[in-house]
C-alpha atoms as a PDB file:
ATOM      1  CA  UNK A   1     124.785 213.012  17.301  1.00  0.00           C
ATOM      2  CA  UNK A   2     121.735 214.919  16.156  1.00  0.00           C
ATOM      3  CA  UNK A   3     119.846 211.656  15.700  1.00  0.00           C
ATOM      4  CA  UNK A   4     120.755 210.551  19.246  1.00  0.00           C
ATOM      5  CA  UNK A   5     119.496 213.818  20.740  1.00  0.00           C
ATOM      6  CA  UNK A   6     116.182 213.444  18.862  1.00  0.00           C
ATOM      7  CA  UNK A   7     115.710 209.914  20.220  1.00  0.00           C
ATOM      8  CA  UNK A   8     116.351 211.038  23.783  1.00  0.00           C
ATOM      9  CA  UNK A   9     113.929 213.936  23.353  1.00  0.00           C
ATOM     10  CA  UNK A  10     111.182 211.625  22.055  1.00  0.00           C
ATOM     11  CA  UNK A  11     111.752 209.195  24.948  1.00  0.00           C
ATOM     12  CA  UNK A  12     111.476 211.968  27.535  1.00  0.00           C
ATOM     13  CA  UNK A  13     108.301 213.224  25.855  1.00  0.00           C
ATOM     14  CA  UNK A  14     106.710 209.733  26.022  1.00  0.00           C
ATOM     15  CA  UNK A  15     107.590 209.418  29.706  1.00  0.00           C
ATOM     16  CA  UNK A  16     106.010 212.805  30.502  1.00  0.00           C
ATOM     17  CA  UNK A  17     102.794 211.948  28.592  1.00  0.00           C
ATOM     18  CA  UNK A  18     102.562 208.616  30.433  1.00  0.00           C
ATOM     19  CA  UNK A  19     103.047 210.358  33.791  1.00  0.00           C
ATOM     20  CA  UNK A  20     100.342 212.876  32.943  1.00  0.00           C
ATOM     21  CA  UNK A  21      97.781 210.087  32.378  1.00  0.00           C
ATOM     22  CA  UNK A  22      97.220 209.729  36.302  1.00  0.00           C
ATOM     23  CA  UNK A  23      95.736 206.599  38.024  1.00  0.00           C
ATOM     24  CA  UNK A  24      94.587 203.588  36.112  1.00  0.00           C
ATOM     25  CA  UNK A  25      91.044 202.241  36.461  1.00  0.00           C
ATOM     26  CA  UNK A  26      92.299 199.311  38.491  1.00  0.00           C
ATOM     27  CA  UNK A  27      94.016 201.633  40.910  1.00  0.00           C
ATOM     28  CA  UNK A  28      90.845 203.698  41.352  1.00  0.00           C
ATOM     29  CA  UNK A  29      88.788 200.568  41.998  1.00  0.00           C
ATOM     30  CA  UNK A  30      91.262 199.387  44.607  1.00  0.00           C
ATOM     31  CA  UNK A  31      91.162 202.780  46.330  1.00  0.00           C
ATOM     32  CA  UNK A  32      87.368 202.795  46.359  1.00  0.00           C
ATOM     33  CA  UNK A  33      87.279 199.267  47.791  1.00  0.00           C
ATOM     34  CA  UNK A  34      89.760 200.167  50.521  1.00  0.00           C
ATOM     35  CA  UNK A  35      87.841 203.347  51.406  1.00  0.00           C
ATOM     36  CA  UNK A  36      84.582 201.367  51.506  1.00  0.00           C
ATOM     37  CA  UNK A  37      86.042 198.800  53.867  1.00  0.00           C
ATOM     38  CA  UNK A  38      87.396 201.558  56.100  1.00  0.00           C
ATOM     39  CA  UNK A  39      84.089 203.442  56.127  1.00  0.00           C
ATOM     40  CA  UNK A  40      82.160 200.273  57.044  1.00  0.00           C
ATOM     41  CA  UNK A  41      84.545 199.622  59.923  1.00  0.00           C
ATOM     42  CA  UNK A  42      84.451 203.208  61.140  1.00  0.00           C
ATOM     43  CA  UNK A  43      80.644 203.470  60.881  1.00  0.00           C
ATOM     44  CA  UNK A  44      80.278 200.148  62.699  1.00  0.00           C
ATOM     45  CA  UNK A  45      82.546 201.376  65.467  1.00  0.00           C
ATOM     46  CA  UNK A  46      80.599 204.644  65.740  1.00  0.00           C
ATOM     47  CA  UNK A  47      77.268 202.791  65.742  1.00  0.00           C
ATOM     48  CA  UNK A  48      78.445 200.358  68.422  1.00  0.00           C
ATOM     49  CA  UNK A  49      79.817 203.174  70.567  1.00  0.00           C
ATOM     50  CA  UNK A  50      76.595 205.171  70.209  1.00  0.00           C
ATOM     51  CA  UNK A  51      74.422 202.161  71.072  1.00  0.00           C
ATOM     52  CA  UNK A  52      76.610 201.369  74.087  1.00  0.00           C
ATOM     53  CA  UNK A  53      76.242 204.960  75.279  1.00  0.00           C
ATOM     54  CA  UNK A  54      72.458 204.883  74.803  1.00  0.00           C
ATOM     55  CA  UNK A  55      72.171 201.557  76.646  1.00  0.00           C
ATOM     56  CA  UNK A  56      74.264 202.881  79.525  1.00  0.00           C
ATOM     57  CA  UNK A  57      72.182 206.078  79.620  1.00  0.00           C
ATOM     58  CA  UNK A  58      68.914 204.112  79.703  1.00  0.00           C
ATOM     59  CA  UNK A  59      70.308 201.823  82.378  1.00  0.00           C
ATOM     60  CA  UNK A  60      71.468 204.736  84.531  1.00  0.00           C
ATOM     61  CA  UNK A  61      68.124 206.488  84.099  1.00  0.00           C
ATOM     62  CA  UNK A  62      66.196 203.401  85.183  1.00  0.00           C
ATOM     63  CA  UNK A  63      68.445 202.784  88.180  1.00  0.00           C
ATOM     64  CA  UNK A  64      68.336 206.440  89.261  1.00  0.00           C
ATOM     65  CA  UNK A  65      64.576 206.480  88.751  1.00  0.00           C
ATOM     66  CA  UNK A  66      64.142 203.404  90.935  1.00  0.00           C
ATOM     67  CA  UNK A  67      66.546 204.481  93.668  1.00  0.00           C
ATOM     68  CA  UNK A  68      64.876 207.867  94.107  1.00  0.00           C
ATOM     69  CA  UNK A  69      61.382 206.363  94.361  1.00  0.00           C
ATOM     70  CA  UNK A  70      62.389 203.549  96.720  1.00  0.00           C
ATOM     71  CA  UNK A  71      64.490 205.794  98.975  1.00  0.00           C
ATOM     72  CA  UNK A  72      61.675 208.353  99.334  1.00  0.00           C
ATOM     73  CA  UNK A  73      59.091 205.633  99.992  1.00  0.00           C
ATOM     74  CA  UNK A  74      61.442 203.956 102.476  1.00  0.00           C
ATOM     75  CA  UNK A  75      61.873 207.204 104.438  1.00  0.00           C
ATOM     76  CA  UNK A  76      58.143 207.936 104.473  1.00  0.00           C
ATOM     77  CA  UNK A  77      57.225 204.429 105.624  1.00  0.00           C
ATOM     78  CA  UNK A  78      59.766 204.495 108.458  1.00  0.00           C
ATOM     79  CA  UNK A  79      58.087 207.679 109.694  1.00  0.00           C
ATOM     80  CA  UNK A  80      54.568 206.261 109.533  1.00  0.00           C
ATOM     81  CA  UNK A  81      52.325 206.029 112.581  1.00  0.00           C
ATOM     82  CA  UNK A  82      52.391 202.372 113.693  1.00  0.00           C
ATOM     83  CA  UNK A  83      49.546 200.332 112.199  1.00  0.00           C
ATOM     84  CA  UNK A  84      48.394 203.165 109.914  1.00  0.00           C
ATOM     85  CA  UNK A  85      49.503 201.345 106.739  1.00  0.00           C
ATOM     86  CA  UNK A  86      46.890 199.897 104.395  1.00  0.00           C
ATOM     87  CA  UNK A  87      46.869 198.738 100.766  1.00  0.00           C
ATOM     88  CA  UNK A  88      44.115 198.555  98.163  1.00  0.00           C
ATOM     89  CA  UNK A  89      43.724 197.930  94.416  1.00  0.00           C
ATOM     90  CA  UNK A  90      41.647 200.088  92.072  1.00  0.00           C
ATOM     91  CA  UNK A  91      40.685 200.265  88.383  1.00  0.00           C
ATOM     92  CA  UNK A  92      40.276 196.541  87.896  1.00  0.00           C
ATOM     93  CA  UNK A  93      43.543 195.795  89.740  1.00  0.00           C
ATOM     94  CA  UNK A  94      45.516 197.991  87.326  1.00  0.00           C
ATOM     95  CA  UNK A  95      46.284 200.496  90.108  1.00  0.00           C
ATOM     96  CA  UNK A  96      47.518 199.731  93.602  1.00  0.00           C
ATOM     97  CA  UNK A  97      47.987 202.240  96.428  1.00  0.00           C
ATOM     98  CA  UNK A  98      49.749 201.995  99.774  1.00  0.00           C
ATOM     99  CA  UNK A  99      48.497 204.564 102.281  1.00  0.00           C
ATOM    100  CA  UNK A 100      49.691 205.670 105.732  1.00  0.00           C
ATOM    101  CA  UNK A 101      49.785 208.664 108.073  1.00  0.00           C
ATOM    102  CA  UNK A 102      53.233 210.205 108.734  1.00  0.00           C
ATOM    103  CA  UNK A 103      54.245 211.096 112.291  1.00  0.00           C
ATOM    104  CA  UNK A 104      54.302 214.874 112.700  1.00  0.00           C
ATOM    105  CA  UNK A 105      55.462 214.704 116.321  1.00  0.00           C
ATOM    106  CA  UNK A 106      55.474 212.285 119.231  1.00  0.00           C
ATOM    107  CA  UNK A 107      55.825 212.456 123.006  1.00  0.00           C
ATOM    108  CA  UNK A 108      55.161 210.626 126.255  1.00  0.00           C
ATOM    109  CA  UNK A 109      51.909 211.294 128.044  1.00  0.00           C
ATOM    110  CA  UNK A 110      51.547 211.400 131.803  1.00  0.00           C
ATOM    111  CA  UNK A 111      47.766 211.197 131.889  1.00  0.00           C
ATOM    112  CA  UNK A 112      44.958 210.470 129.433  1.00  0.00           C
ATOM    113  CA  UNK A 113      41.337 209.525 130.143  1.00  0.00           C
ATOM    114  CA  UNK A 114      40.815 205.769 129.844  1.00  0.00           C
ATOM    115  CA  UNK A 115      37.805 203.882 131.187  1.00  0.00           C
ATOM    116  CA  UNK A 116      36.846 203.538 133.988  1.00  0.00           C
ATOM    117  CA  UNK A 117      38.311 207.018 134.552  1.00  0.00           C
ATOM    118  CA  UNK A 118      36.139 210.083 134.114  1.00  0.00           C
ATOM    119  CA  UNK A 119      35.984 211.452 130.564  1.00  0.00           C
ATOM    120  CA  UNK A 120      38.152 214.502 129.998  1.00  0.00           C
ATOM    121  CA  UNK A 121      38.989 217.019 127.296  1.00  0.00           C
ATOM    122  CA  UNK A 122      42.590 217.451 128.472  1.00  0.00           C
ATOM    123  CA  UNK A 123      45.676 215.277 128.014  1.00  0.00           C
ATOM    124  CA  UNK A 124      48.867 215.786 130.030  1.00  0.00           C
ATOM    125  CA  UNK A 125      52.073 215.312 128.018  1.00  0.00           C
ATOM    126  CA  UNK A 126      55.807 215.865 128.335  1.00  0.00           C
ATOM    127  CA  UNK A 127      56.907 219.010 126.390  1.00  0.00           C
ATOM    128  CA  UNK A 128      58.067 218.057 122.910  1.00  0.00           C
ATOM    129  CA  UNK A 129      59.303 219.484 119.631  1.00  0.00           C
ATOM    130  CA  UNK A 130      57.454 219.619 116.353  1.00  0.00           C
ATOM    131  CA  UNK A 131      58.739 219.799 112.802  1.00  0.00           C
ATOM    132  CA  UNK A 132      61.962 221.756 112.401  1.00  0.00           C
ATOM    133  CA  UNK A 133      63.106 221.174 115.980  1.00  0.00           C
ATOM    134  CA  UNK A 134      61.099 224.034 117.523  1.00  0.00           C
ATOM    135  CA  UNK A 135      58.478 223.544 120.218  1.00  0.00           C
ATOM    136  CA  UNK A 136      55.287 222.049 118.849  1.00  0.00           C
ATOM    137  CA  UNK A 137      52.655 224.574 117.792  1.00  0.00           C
ATOM    138  CA  UNK A 138      48.969 224.130 116.998  1.00  0.00           C
ATOM    139  CA  UNK A 139      47.430 227.409 115.857  1.00  0.00           C
ATOM    140  CA  UNK A 140      43.845 228.358 115.053  1.00  0.00           C
ATOM    141  CA  UNK A 141      43.961 226.553 111.702  1.00  0.00           C
ATOM    142  CA  UNK A 142      45.442 223.403 113.228  1.00  0.00           C
ATOM    143  CA  UNK A 143      43.994 220.135 111.916  1.00  0.00           C
ATOM    144  CA  UNK A 144      46.323 217.834 113.841  1.00  0.00           C
ATOM    145  CA  UNK A 145      45.147 214.640 115.484  1.00  0.00           C
ATOM    146  CA  UNK A 146      46.398 212.689 118.485  1.00  0.00           C
ATOM    147  CA  UNK A 147      46.430 208.915 118.614  1.00  0.00           C
ATOM    148  CA  UNK A 148      47.387 206.453 121.333  1.00  0.00           C
ATOM    149  CA  UNK A 149      48.094 202.745 120.863  1.00  0.00           C
ATOM    150  CA  UNK A 150      46.655 202.128 117.371  1.00  0.00           C
ATOM    151  CA  UNK A 151      46.728 198.394 116.645  1.00  0.00           C
ATOM    152  CA  UNK A 152      45.344 198.401 113.098  1.00  0.00           C
ATOM    153  CA  UNK A 153      44.473 200.874 110.362  1.00  0.00           C
ATOM    154  CA  UNK A 154      40.822 200.949 111.456  1.00  0.00           C
ATOM    155  CA  UNK A 155      41.901 202.742 114.641  1.00  0.00           C
ATOM    156  CA  UNK A 156      43.495 205.569 112.619  1.00  0.00           C
ATOM    157  CA  UNK A 157      40.757 206.013 110.021  1.00  0.00           C
ATOM    158  CA  UNK A 158      37.833 205.831 112.456  1.00  0.00           C
ATOM    159  CA  UNK A 159      35.392 208.671 113.170  1.00  0.00           C
ATOM    160  CA  UNK A 160      37.536 211.469 114.559  1.00  0.00           C
ATOM    161  CA  UNK A 161      34.612 213.112 116.371  1.00  0.00           C
ATOM    162  CA  UNK A 162      33.506 210.112 118.426  1.00  0.00           C
ATOM    163  CA  UNK A 163      33.632 210.389 122.199  1.00  0.00           C
ATOM    164  CA  UNK A 164      35.605 207.131 122.452  1.00  0.00           C
ATOM    165  CA  UNK A 165      38.341 205.753 120.249  1.00  0.00           C
ATOM    166  CA  UNK A 166      42.055 206.044 119.544  1.00  0.00           C
ATOM    167  CA  UNK A 167      42.308 209.186 117.418  1.00  0.00           C
ATOM    168  CA  UNK A 168      40.954 212.660 118.187  1.00  0.00           C
ATOM    169  CA  UNK A 169      41.252 216.207 116.803  1.00  0.00           C
ATOM    170  CA  UNK A 170      43.496 218.692 118.620  1.00  0.00           C
ATOM    171  CA  UNK A 171      41.951 222.014 119.639  1.00  0.00           C
ATOM    172  CA  UNK A 172      45.000 223.713 121.174  1.00  0.00           C
ATOM    173  CA  UNK A 173      48.027 223.140 123.391  1.00  0.00           C
ATOM    174  CA  UNK A 174      48.536 224.919 126.711  1.00  0.00           C
ATOM    175  CA  UNK A 175      52.304 225.338 127.146  1.00  0.00           C
ATOM    176  CA  UNK A 176      52.076 227.668 130.162  1.00  0.00           C
ATOM    177  CA  UNK A 177      52.149 224.669 132.490  1.00  0.00           C
ATOM    178  CA  UNK A 178      54.336 221.583 132.806  1.00  0.00           C
ATOM    179  CA  UNK A 179      53.400 218.986 131.788  1.00  0.00           C
ATOM    180  CA  UNK A 180      51.738 220.546 128.757  1.00  0.00           C
ATOM    181  CA  UNK A 181      48.005 220.245 128.322  1.00  0.00           C
ATOM    182  CA  UNK A 182      46.584 219.129 124.964  1.00  0.00           C
ATOM    183  CA  UNK A 183      42.932 220.103 124.683  1.00  0.00           C
ATOM    184  CA  UNK A 184      40.750 217.917 122.463  1.00  0.00           C
ATOM    185  CA  UNK A 185      38.302 219.516 120.028  1.00  0.00           C
ATOM    186  CA  UNK A 186      35.697 216.784 120.537  1.00  0.00           C
ATOM    187  CA  UNK A 187      35.125 217.709 124.193  1.00  0.00           C
ATOM    188  CA  UNK A 188      35.328 215.133 126.962  1.00  0.00           C
ATOM    189  CA  UNK A 189      36.577 211.843 125.529  1.00  0.00           C
ATOM    190  CA  UNK A 190      37.801 208.372 126.452  1.00  0.00           C
ATOM    191  CA  UNK A 191      40.714 206.565 124.848  1.00  0.00           C
ATOM    192  CA  UNK A 192      40.071 202.878 124.289  1.00  0.00           C
ATOM    193  CA  UNK A 193      43.206 201.828 126.153  1.00  0.00           C
ATOM    194  CA  UNK A 194      46.604 202.930 127.411  1.00  0.00           C
ATOM    195  CA  UNK A 195      49.848 202.463 125.519  1.00  0.00           C
ATOM    196  CA  UNK A 196      52.320 200.121 127.283  1.00  0.00           C
ATOM    197  CA  UNK A 197      55.017 202.746 126.660  1.00  0.00           C
ATOM    198  CA  UNK A 198      52.706 205.749 127.246  1.00  0.00           C
ATOM    199  CA  UNK A 199      53.528 206.991 123.752  1.00  0.00           C
ATOM    200  CA  UNK A 200      51.339 209.567 122.009  1.00  0.00           C
ATOM    201  CA  UNK A 201      51.585 210.385 118.300  1.00  0.00           C
ATOM    202  CA  UNK A 202      50.477 213.511 116.464  1.00  0.00           C
ATOM    203  CA  UNK A 203      49.606 213.259 112.792  1.00  0.00           C
ATOM    204  CA  UNK A 204      47.989 215.567 110.252  1.00  0.00           C
ATOM    205  CA  UNK A 205      47.689 214.006 106.802  1.00  0.00           C
ATOM    206  CA  UNK A 206      47.622 210.740 104.921  1.00  0.00           C
ATOM    207  CA  UNK A 207      50.151 209.916 102.218  1.00  0.00           C
ATOM    208  CA  UNK A 208      49.526 207.489  99.356  1.00  0.00           C
ATOM    209  CA  UNK A 209      51.942 205.950  96.866  1.00  0.00           C
ATOM    210  CA  UNK A 210      50.108 204.594  93.832  1.00  0.00           C
ATOM    211  CA  UNK A 211      51.487 202.558  90.934  1.00  0.00           C
ATOM    212  CA  UNK A 212      49.219 203.400  88.003  1.00  0.00           C
ATOM    213  CA  UNK A 213      48.932 201.789  84.570  1.00  0.00           C
ATOM    214  CA  UNK A 214      48.967 204.529  81.932  1.00  0.00           C
ATOM    215  CA  UNK A 215      50.356 203.042  78.723  1.00  0.00           C
ATOM    216  CA  UNK A 216      49.821 199.999  76.544  1.00  0.00           C
ATOM    217  CA  UNK A 217      51.793 197.059  75.292  1.00  0.00           C
ATOM    218  CA  UNK A 218      53.146 196.188  78.726  1.00  0.00           C
ATOM    219  CA  UNK A 219      54.986 199.466  79.453  1.00  0.00           C
ATOM    220  CA  UNK A 220      54.135 202.937  80.611  1.00  0.00           C
ATOM    221  CA  UNK A 221      53.310 202.622  84.321  1.00  0.00           C
ATOM    222  CA  UNK A 222      54.078 205.456  86.752  1.00  0.00           C
ATOM    223  CA  UNK A 223      54.289 205.935  90.517  1.00  0.00           C
ATOM    224  CA  UNK A 224      52.498 208.934  92.028  1.00  0.00           C
ATOM    225  CA  UNK A 225      52.722 210.299  95.586  1.00  0.00           C
ATOM    226  CA  UNK A 226      49.563 211.904  96.990  1.00  0.00           C
ATOM    227  CA  UNK A 227      48.919 213.981 100.124  1.00  0.00           C
ATOM    228  CA  UNK A 228      45.434 214.382 101.612  1.00  0.00           C
ATOM    229  CA  UNK A 229      43.749 215.189 104.880  1.00  0.00           C
ATOM    230  CA  UNK A 230      43.075 212.049 106.876  1.00  0.00           C
ATOM    231  CA  UNK A 231      39.804 210.509 105.742  1.00  0.00           C
ATOM    232  CA  UNK A 232      37.427 208.261 107.627  1.00  0.00           C
ATOM    233  CA  UNK A 233      36.353 204.789 106.607  1.00  0.00           C
ATOM    234  CA  UNK A 234      37.643 202.577 103.816  1.00  0.00           C
ATOM    235  CA  UNK A 235      40.611 203.487 101.654  1.00  0.00           C
ATOM    236  CA  UNK A 236      39.616 205.391  98.542  1.00  0.00           C
ATOM    237  CA  UNK A 237      41.533 206.326  95.412  1.00  0.00           C
ATOM    238  CA  UNK A 238      43.467 209.545  96.164  1.00  0.00           C
ATOM    239  CA  UNK A 239      43.146 212.503  93.862  1.00  0.00           C
ATOM    240  CA  UNK A 240      44.753 215.628  95.311  1.00  0.00           C
ATOM    241  CA  UNK A 241      48.310 217.008  95.521  1.00  0.00           C
ATOM    242  CA  UNK A 242      49.881 214.469  93.128  1.00  0.00           C
ATOM    243  CA  UNK A 243      53.647 214.304  92.651  1.00  0.00           C
ATOM    244  CA  UNK A 244      55.344 212.113  90.057  1.00  0.00           C
ATOM    245  CA  UNK A 245      57.857 209.809  91.751  1.00  0.00           C
ATOM    246  CA  UNK A 246      58.889 207.426  88.957  1.00  0.00           C
ATOM    247  CA  UNK A 247      58.142 206.390  85.403  1.00  0.00           C
ATOM    248  CA  UNK A 248      59.013 203.505  83.081  1.00  0.00           C
ATOM    249  CA  UNK A 249      57.202 200.952  85.226  1.00  0.00           C
ATOM    250  CA  UNK A 250      55.565 197.999  83.491  1.00  0.00           C
ATOM    251  CA  UNK A 251      52.004 198.748  82.610  1.00  0.00           C
ATOM    252  CA  UNK A 252      50.336 195.537  83.780  1.00  0.00           C
ATOM    253  CA  UNK A 253      50.939 194.940  87.501  1.00  0.00           C
ATOM    254  CA  UNK A 254      48.298 192.252  87.888  1.00  0.00           C
ATOM    255  CA  UNK A 255      50.871 189.457  87.665  1.00  0.00           C
ATOM    256  CA  UNK A 256      52.605 190.714  90.813  1.00  0.00           C
ATOM    257  CA  UNK A 257      51.446 193.751  92.756  1.00  0.00           C
ATOM    258  CA  UNK A 258      54.117 196.252  93.789  1.00  0.00           C
ATOM    259  CA  UNK A 259      53.124 196.431  97.479  1.00  0.00           C
ATOM    260  CA  UNK A 260      52.498 193.823 100.146  1.00  0.00           C
ATOM    261  CA  UNK A 261      51.974 194.539 103.844  1.00  0.00           C
ATOM    262  CA  UNK A 262      52.486 192.107 106.711  1.00  0.00           C
ATOM    263  CA  UNK A 263      51.165 193.443 109.994  1.00  0.00           C
ATOM    264  CA  UNK A 264      53.279 193.419 113.126  1.00  0.00           C
ATOM    265  CA  UNK A 265      53.006 190.565 115.602  1.00  0.00           C
ATOM    266  CA  UNK A 266      54.327 190.055 119.117  1.00  0.00           C
ATOM    267  CA  UNK A 267      57.386 188.356 117.583  1.00  0.00           C
ATOM    268  CA  UNK A 268      58.310 190.730 114.741  1.00  0.00           C
ATOM    269  CA  UNK A 269      57.915 194.219 113.311  1.00  0.00           C
ATOM    270  CA  UNK A 270      55.553 195.067 110.490  1.00  0.00           C
ATOM    271  CA  UNK A 271      57.033 194.585 107.012  1.00  0.00           C
ATOM    272  CA  UNK A 272      56.237 196.321 103.721  1.00  0.00           C
ATOM    273  CA  UNK A 273      57.462 194.368 100.696  1.00  0.00           C
ATOM    274  CA  UNK A 274      58.079 196.456  97.566  1.00  0.00           C
ATOM    275  CA  UNK A 275      58.333 194.937  94.074  1.00  0.00           C
ATOM    276  CA  UNK A 276      58.971 197.398  91.241  1.00  0.00           C
ATOM    277  CA  UNK A 277      59.613 196.352  87.638  1.00  0.00           C
ATOM    278  CA  UNK A 278      61.127 199.080  85.439  1.00  0.00           C
ATOM    279  CA  UNK A 279      61.592 198.849  81.670  1.00  0.00           C
ATOM    280  CA  UNK A 280      62.823 201.107  78.876  1.00  0.00           C
ATOM    281  CA  UNK A 281      64.220 200.333  75.411  1.00  0.00           C
ATOM    282  CA  UNK A 282      64.416 196.583  76.145  1.00  0.00           C
ATOM    283  CA  UNK A 283      66.221 197.257  79.429  1.00  0.00           C
ATOM    284  CA  UNK A 284      64.510 195.567  82.391  1.00  0.00           C
ATOM    285  CA  UNK A 285      65.238 195.988  86.080  1.00  0.00           C
ATOM    286  CA  UNK A 286      63.335 194.447  88.988  1.00  0.00           C
ATOM    287  CA  UNK A 287      63.784 195.902  92.467  1.00  0.00           C
ATOM    288  CA  UNK A 288      62.659 193.899  95.495  1.00  0.00           C
ATOM    289  CA  UNK A 289      62.911 195.776  98.777  1.00  0.00           C
ATOM    290  CA  UNK A 290      61.637 195.330 102.329  1.00  0.00           C
ATOM    291  CA  UNK A 291      60.909 198.085 104.833  1.00  0.00           C
ATOM    292  CA  UNK A 292      60.648 197.113 108.489  1.00  0.00           C
ATOM    293  CA  UNK A 293      58.257 199.314 110.467  1.00  0.00           C
ATOM    294  CA  UNK A 294      59.232 199.549 114.137  1.00  0.00           C
ATOM    295  CA  UNK A 295      56.509 198.117 116.356  1.00  0.00           C
ATOM    296  CA  UNK A 296      56.431 200.883 118.989  1.00  0.00           C
ATOM    297  CA  UNK A 297      52.762 201.704 119.530  1.00  0.00           C
END
């Protein structure tokens, strides 16, 4: 009996020592391999998810960038004085600008001096509202201009102090009588011709949208919006009151310019064609858009 108890005690001791030895080398290797496979799968999933998020973010940024610029340009162009739009390239065709004069107010005139009538300093117009819905005002610092029946951009950007033409500086507005009287700063003047619809436009500034090459390697172009006082003569590169409208445009626009202008005819309205190519992190988006300018001179 004593011998049997000793044998059982030795057997239990061997089992306990074996249990205390822990994992075998093979078991550890298998665990490491399994953990490695799991980590590769998890890291791949995280990497793919992160890249998908970054791609979606870049895509959304490009689309939002483009939509904001095109919508603002679309609104400005639709409010442009008819025939005031002109386009020119600068900096060796690496910059292109579209320029126009926004309508500040408009009305119907009842009388303007047109040859062979006698020259006059006063225009008779129907009372009208200015910006904000209130009655039009032209104070002592007013630099507004009136134009009637402009047929091309040369009519808008002509000498504003000539005695004859289609655009003249406003001196003041007499609203004590009806119809109102608009007094011209130039003195007695003649308009070149009447408008078929007797429409008169008031404008104050010229607006330019320029796509400018700024980077290298085919990317890095930007779109800038400029505001200036209306200048005379040929279109020049704007340089005051810049506002960034969009980035991530391709740097070299010489293959296809972003702006194209087709003047109005008797059969159709004027059309501005817009071609903008955006790129970021290998994402490319091309936006082609047309803006129809109502032919109501």
